[in-house]
PDB file of N, CA and C in Angstrom:
ATOM      1  N   MET A   1     161.382 134.152 -89.883  1.00  0.00           N
ATOM      2  CA  MET A   1     161.106 132.989 -90.692  1.00  0.00           C
ATOM      3  C   MET A   1     161.651 133.246 -92.091  1.00  0.00           C
ATOM      4  N   GLU A   2     162.182 132.215 -92.665  1.00  0.00           N
ATOM      5  CA  GLU A   2     162.686 132.308 -94.029  1.00  0.00           C
ATOM      6  C   GLU A   2     162.078 131.177 -94.839  1.00  0.00           C
ATOM      7  N   ILE A   3     161.669 131.501 -96.052  1.00  0.00           N
ATOM      8  CA  ILE A   3     161.087 130.501 -96.940  1.00  0.00           C
ATOM      9  C   ILE A   3     161.690 130.709 -98.322  1.00  0.00           C
ATOM     10  N   HIS A   4     162.013 129.631 -98.974  1.00  0.00           N
ATOM     11  CA  HIS A   4     162.613 129.699-100.304  1.00  0.00           C
ATOM     12  C   HIS A   4     161.607 129.184-101.319  1.00  0.00           C
ATOM     13  N   LEU A   5     161.274 130.034-102.276  1.00  0.00           N
ATOM     14  CA  LEU A   5     160.315 129.677-103.316  1.00  0.00           C
ATOM     15  C   LEU A   5     160.961 129.825-104.682  1.00  0.00           C
ATOM     16  N   THR A   6     160.530 128.987-105.601  1.00  0.00           N
ATOM     17  CA  THR A   6     160.986 129.142-106.980  1.00  0.00           C
ATOM     18  C   THR A   6     160.269 130.343-107.590  1.00  0.00           C
ATOM     19  N   GLY A   7     160.744 130.783-108.732  1.00  0.00           N
ATOM     20  CA  GLY A   7     160.084 131.879-109.428  1.00  0.00           C
ATOM     21  C   GLY A   7     158.638 131.559-109.747  1.00  0.00           C
ATOM     22  N   THR A   8     158.392 130.340-110.164  1.00  0.00           N
ATOM     23  CA  THR A   8     157.024 129.918-110.476  1.00  0.00           C
ATOM     24  C   THR A   8     156.157 129.943-109.226  1.00  0.00           C
ATOM     25  N   GLU A   9     156.687 129.474-108.111  1.00  0.00           N
ATOM     26  CA  GLU A   9     155.930 129.479-106.858  1.00  0.00           C
ATOM     27  C   GLU A   9     155.600 130.905-106.416  1.00  0.00           C
ATOM     28  N   VAL A  10     156.566 131.808-106.554  1.00  0.00           N
ATOM     29  CA  VAL A  10     156.327 133.215-106.212  1.00  0.00           C
ATOM     30  C   VAL A  10     155.221 133.779-107.088  1.00  0.00           C
ATOM     31  N   HIS A  11     155.288 133.488-108.371  1.00  0.00           N
ATOM     32  CA  HIS A  11     154.275 133.974-109.314  1.00  0.00           C
ATOM     33  C   HIS A  11     152.889 133.458-108.934  1.00  0.00           C
ATOM     34  N   GLU A  12     152.782 132.174-108.672  1.00  0.00           N
ATOM     35  CA  GLU A  12     151.489 131.581-108.324  1.00  0.00           C
ATOM     36  C   GLU A  12     150.967 132.113-106.992  1.00  0.00           C
ATOM     37  N   LEU A  13     151.851 132.290-106.033  1.00  0.00           N
ATOM     38  CA  LEU A  13     151.444 132.834-104.740  1.00  0.00           C
ATOM     39  C   LEU A  13     150.938 134.266-104.901  1.00  0.00           C
ATOM     40  N   ARG A  14     151.644 135.068-105.692  1.00  0.00           N
ATOM     41  CA  ARG A  14     151.216 136.446-105.939  1.00  0.00           C
ATOM     42  C   ARG A  14     149.839 136.466-106.598  1.00  0.00           C
ATOM     43  N   GLU A  15     149.642 135.625-107.615  1.00  0.00           N
ATOM     44  CA  GLU A  15     148.346 135.566-108.312  1.00  0.00           C
ATOM     45  C   GLU A  15     147.227 135.162-107.347  1.00  0.00           C
ATOM     46  N   THR A  16     147.506 134.186-106.506  1.00  0.00           N
ATOM     47  CA  THR A  16     146.507 133.722-105.545  1.00  0.00           C
ATOM     48  C   THR A  16     146.173 134.815-104.533  1.00  0.00           C
ATOM     49  N   LEU A  17     147.190 135.478-104.016  1.00  0.00           N
ATOM     50  CA  LEU A  17     146.953 136.552-103.055  1.00  0.00           C
ATOM     51  C   LEU A  17     146.153 137.690-103.679  1.00  0.00           C
ATOM     52  N   GLU A  18     146.466 138.047-104.921  1.00  0.00           N
ATOM     53  CA  GLU A  18     145.716 139.112-105.590  1.00  0.00           C
ATOM     54  C   GLU A  18     144.248 138.738-105.740  1.00  0.00           C
ATOM     55  N   SER A  19     143.988 137.489-106.070  1.00  0.00           N
ATOM     56  CA  SER A  19     142.611 137.023-106.213  1.00  0.00           C
ATOM     57  C   SER A  19     141.873 137.052-104.872  1.00  0.00           C
ATOM     58  N   VAL A  20     142.529 136.564-103.835  1.00  0.00           N
ATOM     59  CA  VAL A  20     141.916 136.549-102.504  1.00  0.00           C
ATOM     60  C   VAL A  20     141.681 137.977-102.009  1.00  0.00           C
ATOM     61  N   LEU A  21     142.648 138.858-102.221  1.00  0.00           N
ATOM     62  CA  LEU A  21     142.493 140.248-101.787  1.00  0.00           C
ATOM     63  C   LEU A  21     141.328 140.925-102.493  1.00  0.00           C
ATOM     64  N   SER A  22     141.188 140.664-103.765  1.00  0.00           N
ATOM     65  CA  SER A  22     140.076 141.237-104.520  1.00  0.00           C
ATOM     66  C   SER A  22     138.740 140.767-103.947  1.00  0.00           C
ATOM     67  N   GLY A  23     138.648 139.481-103.652  1.00  0.00           N
ATOM     68  CA  GLY A  23     137.432 138.931-103.069  1.00  0.00           C
ATOM     69  C   GLY A  23     137.144 139.508-101.692  1.00  0.00           C
ATOM     70  N   LEU A  24     138.185 139.683-100.887  1.00  0.00           N
ATOM     71  CA  LEU A  24     138.001 140.263 -99.556  1.00  0.00           C
ATOM     72  C   LEU A  24     137.509 141.702 -99.646  1.00  0.00           C
ATOM     73  N   GLU A  25     138.063 142.457-100.584  1.00  0.00           N
ATOM     74  CA  GLU A  25     137.636 143.849-100.741  1.00  0.00           C
ATOM     75  C   GLU A  25     136.157 143.923-101.107  1.00  0.00           C
ATOM     76  N   ARG A  26     135.715 143.049-102.000  1.00  0.00           N
ATOM     77  CA  ARG A  26     134.292 143.022-102.364  1.00  0.00           C
ATOM     78  C   ARG A  26     133.434 142.616-101.172  1.00  0.00           C
ATOM     79  N   GLU A  27     133.908 141.615-100.436  1.00  0.00           N
ATOM     80  CA  GLU A  27     133.152 141.139 -99.277  1.00  0.00           C
ATOM     81  C   GLU A  27     133.047 142.231 -98.210  1.00  0.00           C
ATOM     82  N   ILE A  28     134.148 142.901 -97.934  1.00  0.00           N
ATOM     83  CA  ILE A  28     134.162 143.969 -96.931  1.00  0.00           C
ATOM     84  C   ILE A  28     133.216 145.098 -97.340  1.00  0.00           C
ATOM     85  N   ALA A  29     133.222 145.444 -98.612  1.00  0.00           N
ATOM     86  CA  ALA A  29     132.368 146.533 -99.098  1.00  0.00           C
ATOM     87  C   ALA A  29     130.890 146.233 -98.872  1.00  0.00           C
ATOM     88  N   GLY A  30     130.517 144.970 -98.884  1.00  0.00           N
ATOM     89  CA  GLY A  30     129.120 144.599 -98.727  1.00  0.00           C
ATOM     90  C   GLY A  30     128.673 144.365 -97.293  1.00  0.00           C
ATOM     91  N   LEU A  31     129.586 144.482 -96.355  1.00  0.00           N
ATOM     92  CA  LEU A  31     129.254 144.204 -94.953  1.00  0.00           C
ATOM     93  C   LEU A  31     128.718 145.440 -94.235  1.00  0.00           C
ATOM     94  N   THR A  32     127.836 145.192 -93.283  1.00  0.00           N
ATOM     95  CA  THR A  32     127.337 146.289 -92.454  1.00  0.00           C
ATOM     96  C   THR A  32     127.812 146.175 -91.011  1.00  0.00           C
ATOM     97  N   ASP A  33     128.168 144.965 -90.583  1.00  0.00           N
ATOM     98  CA  ASP A  33     128.619 144.762 -89.203  1.00  0.00           C
ATOM     99  C   ASP A  33     130.047 145.276 -89.040  1.00  0.00           C
ATOM    100  N   PRO A  34     130.257 146.287 -88.180  1.00  0.00           N
ATOM    101  CA  PRO A  34     131.592 146.872 -88.041  1.00  0.00           C
ATOM    102  C   PRO A  34     132.647 145.900 -87.523  1.00  0.00           C
ATOM    103  N   GLU A  35     132.273 144.995 -86.646  1.00  0.00           N
ATOM    104  CA  GLU A  35     133.256 144.043 -86.111  1.00  0.00           C
ATOM    105  C   GLU A  35     133.724 143.072 -87.192  1.00  0.00           C
ATOM    106  N   THR A  36     132.810 142.614 -88.010  1.00  0.00           N
ATOM    107  CA  THR A  36     133.173 141.712 -89.101  1.00  0.00           C
ATOM    108  C   THR A  36     134.046 142.443 -90.111  1.00  0.00           C
ATOM    109  N   ARG A  37     133.679 143.678 -90.428  1.00  0.00           N
ATOM    110  CA  ARG A  37     134.488 144.495 -91.350  1.00  0.00           C
ATOM    111  C   ARG A  37     135.902 144.672 -90.810  1.00  0.00           C
ATOM    112  N   LYS A  38     135.997 144.937 -89.504  1.00  0.00           N
ATOM    113  CA  LYS A  38     137.296 145.149 -88.870  1.00  0.00           C
ATOM    114  C   LYS A  38     138.151 143.885 -88.955  1.00  0.00           C
ATOM    115  N   GLY A  39     137.548 142.744 -88.655  1.00  0.00           N
ATOM    116  CA  GLY A  39     138.281 141.479 -88.705  1.00  0.00           C
ATOM    117  C   GLY A  39     138.770 141.146 -90.102  1.00  0.00           C
ATOM    118  N   LEU A  40     137.890 141.316 -91.087  1.00  0.00           N
ATOM    119  CA  LEU A  40     138.303 141.046 -92.464  1.00  0.00           C
ATOM    120  C   LEU A  40     139.311 142.081 -92.947  1.00  0.00           C
ATOM    121  N   GLY A  41     139.202 143.299 -92.447  1.00  0.00           N
ATOM    122  CA  GLY A  41     140.181 144.334 -92.794  1.00  0.00           C
ATOM    123  C   GLY A  41     141.571 143.972 -92.296  1.00  0.00           C
ATOM    124  N   ARG A  42     141.646 143.422 -91.090  1.00  0.00           N
ATOM    125  CA  ARG A  42     142.951 142.973 -90.557  1.00  0.00           C
ATOM    126  C   ARG A  42     143.515 141.842 -91.409  1.00  0.00           C
ATOM    127  N   ARG A  43     142.643 140.938 -91.799  1.00  0.00           N
ATOM    128  CA  ARG A  43     143.080 139.815 -92.644  1.00  0.00           C
ATOM    129  C   ARG A  43     143.596 140.332 -93.986  1.00  0.00           C
ATOM    130  N   LYS A  44     142.853 141.262 -94.583  1.00  0.00           N
ATOM    131  CA  LYS A  44     143.258 141.853 -95.859  1.00  0.00           C
ATOM    132  C   LYS A  44     144.616 142.541 -95.718  1.00  0.00           C
ATOM    133  N   ASP A  45     144.806 143.295 -94.642  1.00  0.00           N
ATOM    134  CA  ASP A  45     146.072 143.994 -94.423  1.00  0.00           C
ATOM    135  C   ASP A  45     147.234 143.016 -94.288  1.00  0.00           C
ATOM    136  N   ALA A  46     147.023 141.914 -93.576  1.00  0.00           N
ATOM    137  CA  ALA A  46     148.081 140.915 -93.402  1.00  0.00           C
ATOM    138  C   ALA A  46     148.438 140.263 -94.734  1.00  0.00           C
ATOM    139  N   LEU A  47     147.426 139.914 -95.522  1.00  0.00           N
ATOM    140  CA  LEU A  47     147.684 139.288 -96.821  1.00  0.00           C
ATOM    141  C   LEU A  47     148.359 140.260 -97.780  1.00  0.00           C
ATOM    142  N   ARG A  48     147.954 141.529 -97.746  1.00  0.00           N
ATOM    143  CA  ARG A  48     148.594 142.530 -98.601  1.00  0.00           C
ATOM    144  C   ARG A  48     150.061 142.709 -98.206  1.00  0.00           C
ATOM    145  N   SER A  49     150.345 142.664 -96.910  1.00  0.00           N
ATOM    146  CA  SER A  49     151.719 142.780 -96.435  1.00  0.00           C
ATOM    147  C   SER A  49     152.577 141.631 -96.961  1.00  0.00           C
ATOM    148  N   ILE A  50     152.018 140.430 -96.944  1.00  0.00           N
ATOM    149  CA  ILE A  50     152.735 139.271 -97.489  1.00  0.00           C
ATOM    150  C   ILE A  50     152.989 139.471 -98.979  1.00  0.00           C
ATOM    151  N   LYS A  51     151.965 139.877 -99.713  1.00  0.00           N
ATOM    152  CA  LYS A  51     152.102 140.083-101.163  1.00  0.00           C
ATOM    153  C   LYS A  51     153.167 141.131-101.461  1.00  0.00           C
ATOM    154  N   ASP A  52     153.178 142.204-100.679  1.00  0.00           N
ATOM    155  CA  ASP A  52     154.135 143.285-100.906  1.00  0.00           C
ATOM    156  C   ASP A  52     155.577 142.860-100.636  1.00  0.00           C
ATOM    157  N   LYS A  53     155.770 141.810 -99.858  1.00  0.00           N
ATOM    158  CA  LYS A  53     157.118 141.328 -99.555  1.00  0.00           C
ATOM    159  C   LYS A  53     157.658 140.376-100.621  1.00  0.00           C
ATOM    160  N   LEU A  54     156.793 139.933-101.511  1.00  0.00           N
ATOM    161  CA  LEU A  54     157.233 139.012-102.560  1.00  0.00           C
ATOM    162  C   LEU A  54     158.022 139.766-103.623  1.00  0.00           C
ATOM    163  N   PRO A  55     159.090 139.157-104.125  1.00  0.00           N
ATOM    164  CA  PRO A  55     159.817 139.798-105.218  1.00  0.00           C
ATOM    165  C   PRO A  55     158.938 139.858-106.463  1.00  0.00           C
ATOM    166  N   ALA A  56     159.038 140.937-107.186  1.00  0.00           N
ATOM    167  CA  ALA A  56     158.196 141.132-108.373  1.00  0.00           C
ATOM    168  C   ALA A  56     158.842 140.513-109.609  1.00  0.00           C
ATOM    169  N   GLY A  57     157.997 140.026-110.497  1.00  0.00           N
ATOM    170  CA  GLY A  57     158.435 139.633-111.830  1.00  0.00           C
ATOM    171  C   GLY A  57     159.210 138.343-111.962  1.00  0.00           C
ATOM    172  N   LEU A  58     159.183 137.484-110.978  1.00  0.00           N
ATOM    173  CA  LEU A  58     159.927 136.231-111.083  1.00  0.00           C
ATOM    174  C   LEU A  58     159.044 135.123-111.623  1.00  0.00           C
ATOM    175  N   ILE A  59     159.518 134.443-112.635  1.00  0.00           N
ATOM    176  CA  ILE A  59     158.865 133.225-113.122  1.00  0.00           C
ATOM    177  C   ILE A  59     159.922 132.413-113.858  1.00  0.00           C
ATOM    178  N   GLU A  60     159.899 131.133-113.634  1.00  0.00           N
ATOM    179  CA  GLU A  60     160.862 130.246-114.289  1.00  0.00           C
ATOM    180  C   GLU A  60     160.348 129.856-115.659  1.00  0.00           C
ATOM    181  N   VAL A  61     161.266 129.680-116.563  1.00  0.00           N
ATOM    182  CA  VAL A  61     160.908 129.182-117.890  1.00  0.00           C
ATOM    183  C   VAL A  61     161.343 127.731-117.956  1.00  0.00           C
ATOM    184  N   ALA A  62     160.399 126.851-118.249  1.00  0.00           N
ATOM    185  CA  ALA A  62     160.701 125.413-118.281  1.00  0.00           C
ATOM    186  C   ALA A  62     161.431 125.036-119.543  1.00  0.00           C
TER     187      ALA A  62
END
C-alpha cells in the first residue's frame, strides 16, 4: 500500500500516534488481565510500527 501525505499531515499523524501510544502504555500498565494486556500490546506495537515508518521532521510552511 502506498499513501501520499503532505508534511503537515505527516506531522499531525505523528503527533496523534504519539498521544495514542502514550495513552495505551498507561492503560496497559494498569491492567491485570493478561489477555487484555496482550491484545493492547499488539495494538501498541502496530501503531508504533506505523509511527516509525513516517518520515521525521516534515511540516509545510503556509
